[in-house]
Amino acid sequence: MNKQHEFAEDGFFLSRRKFMAIGGAFVAVMALPFGWLASKISSRNDYIKARSAGLYEDDAIAKLRVSHANPGITKYYQEFGGEPLGHYSHKLLHTTFVDRTKINS
Protein backbone atom coordinates (compact mmCIF):
# COMPACT_ATOMS: atom_id res chain seq x y z
CA MET A 1 0.00 0.00 0.00
CA ASN A 2 2.79 2.41 -0.59
CA LYS A 3 1.40 5.08 -2.92
CA GLN A 4 3.56 7.63 -4.55
CA HIS A 5 2.07 11.02 -5.30
CA GLU A 6 3.39 13.01 -8.16
CA PHE A 7 3.24 16.79 -8.22
CA ALA A 8 1.12 17.96 -11.11
CA GLU A 9 1.30 21.65 -11.93
CA ASP A 10 -1.91 23.46 -12.42
CA GLY A 11 -2.39 24.75 -15.95
CA PHE A 12 -3.32 28.18 -14.58
CA PHE A 13 -0.17 28.56 -12.51
CA LEU A 14 1.35 32.05 -12.74
CA SER A 15 4.73 33.07 -11.59
CA ARG A 16 4.96 35.92 -9.15
CA ARG A 17 6.34 38.21 -11.85
CA LYS A 18 3.51 37.44 -14.29
CA PHE A 19 0.93 37.88 -11.53
CA MET A 20 2.31 41.32 -10.60
CA ALA A 21 2.39 42.38 -14.26
CA ILE A 22 -1.20 41.31 -14.84
CA GLY A 23 -2.33 42.85 -11.54
CA GLY A 24 -0.62 46.15 -12.35
CA ALA A 25 -2.20 46.26 -15.81
CA PHE A 26 -5.61 45.51 -14.28
CA VAL A 27 -5.27 48.29 -11.71
CA ALA A 28 -4.17 50.73 -14.42
CA VAL A 29 -7.15 49.88 -16.61
CA MET A 30 -9.55 50.18 -13.70
CA ALA A 31 -8.06 53.55 -12.66
CA LEU A 32 -8.62 55.14 -16.09
CA PRO A 33 -12.41 55.54 -15.75
CA PHE A 34 -12.00 56.92 -12.22
CA GLY A 35 -9.49 59.53 -13.43
CA TRP A 36 -11.75 60.53 -16.30
CA LEU A 37 -14.75 60.80 -14.00
CA ALA A 38 -12.79 62.83 -11.45
CA SER A 39 -11.68 65.28 -14.15
CA LYS A 40 -15.28 65.72 -15.36
CA ILE A 41 -16.52 66.35 -11.82
CA SER A 42 -13.69 68.82 -11.25
CA SER A 43 -14.47 70.76 -14.43
CA ARG A 44 -18.16 70.85 -13.52
CA ASN A 45 -17.32 72.15 -10.05
CA ASP A 46 -15.12 74.85 -11.62
CA TYR A 47 -18.06 75.90 -13.80
CA ILE A 48 -20.42 76.03 -10.82
CA LYS A 49 -17.93 78.08 -8.77
CA ALA A 50 -17.42 80.56 -11.64
CA ARG A 51 -21.17 80.93 -12.14
CA SER A 52 -21.75 81.45 -8.41
CA ALA A 53 -19.01 84.08 -8.27
CA GLY A 54 -20.61 85.90 -11.22
CA LEU A 55 -24.04 85.84 -9.62
CA TYR A 56 -22.69 87.15 -6.31
CA GLU A 57 -20.85 89.92 -8.17
CA ASP A 58 -24.04 90.89 -10.03
CA ASP A 59 -25.96 90.84 -6.77
CA ALA A 60 -23.42 93.08 -5.05
CA ILE A 61 -23.76 95.85 -7.66
CA ALA A 62 -27.55 95.58 -8.09
CA LYS A 63 -29.71 98.45 -6.85
CA LEU A 64 -32.56 96.16 -5.80
CA ARG A 65 -31.21 93.09 -4.05
CA VAL A 66 -34.39 91.76 -2.45
CA SER A 67 -37.85 91.37 -3.97
CA HIS A 68 -39.71 93.07 -1.10
CA ALA A 69 -37.74 96.28 -1.79
CA ASN A 70 -38.85 96.33 -5.43
CA PRO A 71 -41.33 99.18 -5.97
CA GLY A 72 -43.22 97.24 -8.62
CA ILE A 73 -43.81 94.31 -6.31
CA THR A 74 -44.83 96.64 -3.48
CA LYS A 75 -47.33 98.41 -5.78
CA TYR A 76 -48.74 95.04 -6.95
CA TYR A 77 -49.49 93.93 -3.39
CA GLN A 78 -50.91 97.33 -2.37
CA GLU A 79 -53.27 97.64 -5.34
CA PHE A 80 -54.11 94.12 -6.40
CA GLY A 81 -52.46 91.09 -4.80
CA GLY A 82 -53.52 91.39 -1.19
CA GLU A 83 -50.80 90.28 1.19
CA PRO A 84 -47.57 88.45 0.44
CA LEU A 85 -47.91 84.67 0.87
CA GLY A 86 -51.67 85.10 1.08
CA HIS A 87 -54.20 82.78 -0.55
CA TYR A 88 -55.13 85.19 -3.35
CA SER A 89 -51.55 86.04 -4.32
CA HIS A 90 -50.65 82.34 -4.21
CA LYS A 91 -53.57 81.57 -6.52
CA LEU A 92 -52.52 84.29 -8.99
CA LEU A 93 -48.75 83.88 -8.99
CA HIS A 94 -48.24 80.12 -8.75
CA THR A 95 -48.91 77.71 -11.55
CA THR A 96 -49.41 73.98 -11.84
CA PHE A 97 -47.58 71.61 -14.13
CA VAL A 98 -49.52 69.88 -16.89
CA ASP A 99 -47.73 67.01 -18.62
CA ARG A 100 -48.48 67.56 -22.30
CA THR A 101 -46.18 64.87 -23.67
CA LYS A 102 -48.99 62.31 -23.69
CA ILE A 103 -51.54 64.49 -25.49
CA ASN A 104 -52.39 63.06 -28.90
CA SER A 105 -52.50 65.66 -31.63
C-alpha atoms as a PDB file:
ATOM      1  CA  MET A   1       0.000   0.000   0.000  1.00  0.00           C
ATOM      2  CA  ASN A   2       2.792   2.408  -0.591  1.00  0.00           C
ATOM      3  CA  LYS A   3       1.398   5.084  -2.915  1.00  0.00           C
ATOM      4  CA  GLN A   4       3.565   7.635  -4.549  1.00  0.00           C
ATOM      5  CA  HIS A   5       2.067  11.017  -5.305  1.00  0.00           C
ATOM      6  CA  GLU A   6       3.391  13.008  -8.156  1.00  0.00           C
ATOM      7  CA  PHE A   7       3.239  16.791  -8.224  1.00  0.00           C
ATOM      8  CA  ALA A   8       1.120  17.962 -11.113  1.00  0.00           C
ATOM      9  CA  GLU A   9       1.305  21.651 -11.932  1.00  0.00           C
ATOM     10  CA  ASP A  10      -1.910  23.457 -12.417  1.00  0.00           C
ATOM     11  CA  GLY A  11      -2.394  24.752 -15.954  1.00  0.00           C
ATOM     12  CA  PHE A  12      -3.323  28.176 -14.576  1.00  0.00           C
ATOM     13  CA  PHE A  13      -0.172  28.557 -12.514  1.00  0.00           C
ATOM     14  CA  LEU A  14       1.348  32.049 -12.737  1.00  0.00           C
ATOM     15  CA  SER A  15       4.732  33.067 -11.585  1.00  0.00           C
ATOM     16  CA  ARG A  16       4.964  35.923  -9.150  1.00  0.00           C
ATOM     17  CA  ARG A  17       6.345  38.207 -11.848  1.00  0.00           C
ATOM     18  CA  LYS A  18       3.506  37.443 -14.285  1.00  0.00           C
ATOM     19  CA  PHE A  19       0.930  37.875 -11.525  1.00  0.00           C
ATOM     20  CA  MET A  20       2.312  41.317 -10.600  1.00  0.00           C
ATOM     21  CA  ALA A  21       2.394  42.380 -14.262  1.00  0.00           C
ATOM     22  CA  ILE A  22      -1.204  41.311 -14.842  1.00  0.00           C
ATOM     23  CA  GLY A  23      -2.327  42.852 -11.540  1.00  0.00           C
ATOM     24  CA  GLY A  24      -0.619  46.151 -12.355  1.00  0.00           C
ATOM     25  CA  ALA A  25      -2.202  46.263 -15.806  1.00  0.00           C
ATOM     26  CA  PHE A  26      -5.614  45.511 -14.277  1.00  0.00           C
ATOM     27  CA  VAL A  27      -5.268  48.289 -11.711  1.00  0.00           C
ATOM     28  CA  ALA A  28      -4.167  50.735 -14.420  1.00  0.00           C
ATOM     29  CA  VAL A  29      -7.147  49.880 -16.612  1.00  0.00           C
ATOM     30  CA  MET A  30      -9.548  50.178 -13.700  1.00  0.00           C
ATOM     31  CA  ALA A  31      -8.059  53.553 -12.663  1.00  0.00           C
ATOM     32  CA  LEU A  32      -8.623  55.140 -16.089  1.00  0.00           C
ATOM     33  CA  PRO A  33     -12.412  55.543 -15.751  1.00  0.00           C
ATOM     34  CA  PHE A  34     -11.999  56.925 -12.224  1.00  0.00           C
ATOM     35  CA  GLY A  35      -9.492  59.526 -13.430  1.00  0.00           C
ATOM     36  CA  TRP A  36     -11.750  60.534 -16.300  1.00  0.00           C
ATOM     37  CA  LEU A  37     -14.751  60.803 -14.002  1.00  0.00           C
ATOM     38  CA  ALA A  38     -12.794  62.828 -11.450  1.00  0.00           C
ATOM     39  CA  SER A  39     -11.682  65.283 -14.151  1.00  0.00           C
ATOM     40  CA  LYS A  40     -15.278  65.716 -15.357  1.00  0.00           C
ATOM     41  CA  ILE A  41     -16.516  66.353 -11.820  1.00  0.00           C
ATOM     42  CA  SER A  42     -13.688  68.816 -11.246  1.00  0.00           C
ATOM     43  CA  SER A  43     -14.465  70.756 -14.435  1.00  0.00           C
ATOM     44  CA  ARG A  44     -18.161  70.847 -13.524  1.00  0.00           C
ATOM     45  CA  ASN A  45     -17.322  72.150 -10.049  1.00  0.00           C
ATOM     46  CA  ASP A  46     -15.120  74.850 -11.618  1.00  0.00           C
ATOM     47  CA  TYR A  47     -18.064  75.902 -13.797  1.00  0.00           C
ATOM     48  CA  ILE A  48     -20.419  76.033 -10.817  1.00  0.00           C
ATOM     49  CA  LYS A  49     -17.932  78.085  -8.772  1.00  0.00           C
ATOM     50  CA  ALA A  50     -17.423  80.556 -11.635  1.00  0.00           C
ATOM     51  CA  ARG A  51     -21.174  80.933 -12.138  1.00  0.00           C
ATOM     52  CA  SER A  52     -21.750  81.450  -8.414  1.00  0.00           C
ATOM     53  CA  ALA A  53     -19.007  84.080  -8.270  1.00  0.00           C
ATOM     54  CA  GLY A  54     -20.605  85.901 -11.219  1.00  0.00           C
ATOM     55  CA  LEU A  55     -24.040  85.844  -9.616  1.00  0.00           C
ATOM     56  CA  TYR A  56     -22.689  87.150  -6.310  1.00  0.00           C
ATOM     57  CA  GLU A  57     -20.853  89.919  -8.165  1.00  0.00           C
ATOM     58  CA  ASP A  58     -24.041  90.890 -10.032  1.00  0.00           C
ATOM     59  CA  ASP A  59     -25.960  90.838  -6.772  1.00  0.00           C
ATOM     60  CA  ALA A  60     -23.415  93.084  -5.052  1.00  0.00           C
ATOM     61  CA  ILE A  61     -23.758  95.852  -7.663  1.00  0.00           C
ATOM     62  CA  ALA A  62     -27.548  95.584  -8.091  1.00  0.00           C
ATOM     63  CA  LYS A  63     -29.715  98.448  -6.854  1.00  0.00           C
ATOM     64  CA  LEU A  64     -32.557  96.159  -5.801  1.00  0.00           C
ATOM     65  CA  ARG A  65     -31.209  93.089  -4.046  1.00  0.00           C
ATOM     66  CA  VAL A  66     -34.386  91.758  -2.449  1.00  0.00           C
ATOM     67  CA  SER A  67     -37.847  91.365  -3.965  1.00  0.00           C
ATOM     68  CA  HIS A  68     -39.707  93.072  -1.098  1.00  0.00           C
ATOM     69  CA  ALA A  69     -37.743  96.283  -1.787  1.00  0.00           C
ATOM     70  CA  ASN A  70     -38.851  96.332  -5.433  1.00  0.00           C
ATOM     71  CA  PRO A  71     -41.333  99.184  -5.968  1.00  0.00           C
ATOM     72  CA  GLY A  72     -43.219  97.240  -8.624  1.00  0.00           C
ATOM     73  CA  ILE A  73     -43.812  94.315  -6.307  1.00  0.00           C
ATOM     74  CA  THR A  74     -44.834  96.643  -3.480  1.00  0.00           C
ATOM     75  CA  LYS A  75     -47.331  98.411  -5.779  1.00  0.00           C
ATOM     76  CA  TYR A  76     -48.741  95.036  -6.950  1.00  0.00           C
ATOM     77  CA  TYR A  77     -49.487  93.930  -3.387  1.00  0.00           C
ATOM     78  CA  GLN A  78     -50.914  97.331  -2.366  1.00  0.00           C
ATOM     79  CA  GLU A  79     -53.271  97.639  -5.345  1.00  0.00           C
ATOM     80  CA  PHE A  80     -54.110  94.118  -6.395  1.00  0.00           C
ATOM     81  CA  GLY A  81     -52.458  91.091  -4.797  1.00  0.00           C
ATOM     82  CA  GLY A  82     -53.521  91.392  -1.189  1.00  0.00           C
ATOM     83  CA  GLU A  83     -50.800  90.278   1.193  1.00  0.00           C
ATOM     84  CA  PRO A  84     -47.567  88.445   0.443  1.00  0.00           C
ATOM     85  CA  LEU A  85     -47.909  84.669   0.870  1.00  0.00           C
ATOM     86  CA  GLY A  86     -51.675  85.097   1.083  1.00  0.00           C
ATOM     87  CA  HIS A  87     -54.200  82.784  -0.553  1.00  0.00           C
ATOM     88  CA  TYR A  88     -55.132  85.191  -3.346  1.00  0.00           C
ATOM     89  CA  SER A  89     -51.546  86.043  -4.317  1.00  0.00           C
ATOM     90  CA  HIS A  90     -50.651  82.343  -4.210  1.00  0.00           C
ATOM     91  CA  LYS A  91     -53.567  81.573  -6.523  1.00  0.00           C
ATOM     92  CA  LEU A  92     -52.521  84.291  -8.990  1.00  0.00           C
ATOM     93  CA  LEU A  93     -48.751  83.884  -8.990  1.00  0.00           C
ATOM     94  CA  HIS A  94     -48.241  80.122  -8.753  1.00  0.00           C
ATOM     95  CA  THR A  95     -48.908  77.709 -11.555  1.00  0.00           C
ATOM     96  CA  THR A  96     -49.412  73.978 -11.842  1.00  0.00           C
ATOM     97  CA  PHE A  97     -47.578  71.610 -14.135  1.00  0.00           C
ATOM     98  CA  VAL A  98     -49.522  69.882 -16.891  1.00  0.00           C
ATOM     99  CA  ASP A  99     -47.728  67.015 -18.621  1.00  0.00           C
ATOM    100  CA  ARG A 100     -48.483  67.559 -22.304  1.00  0.00           C
ATOM    101  CA  THR A 101     -46.185  64.872 -23.667  1.00  0.00           C
ATOM    102  CA  LYS A 102     -48.987  62.306 -23.689  1.00  0.00           C
ATOM    103  CA  ILE A 103     -51.542  64.487 -25.493  1.00  0.00           C
ATOM    104  CA  ASN A 104     -52.386  63.060 -28.903  1.00  0.00           C
ATOM    105  CA  SER A 105     -52.504  65.658 -31.625  1.00  0.00           C
END
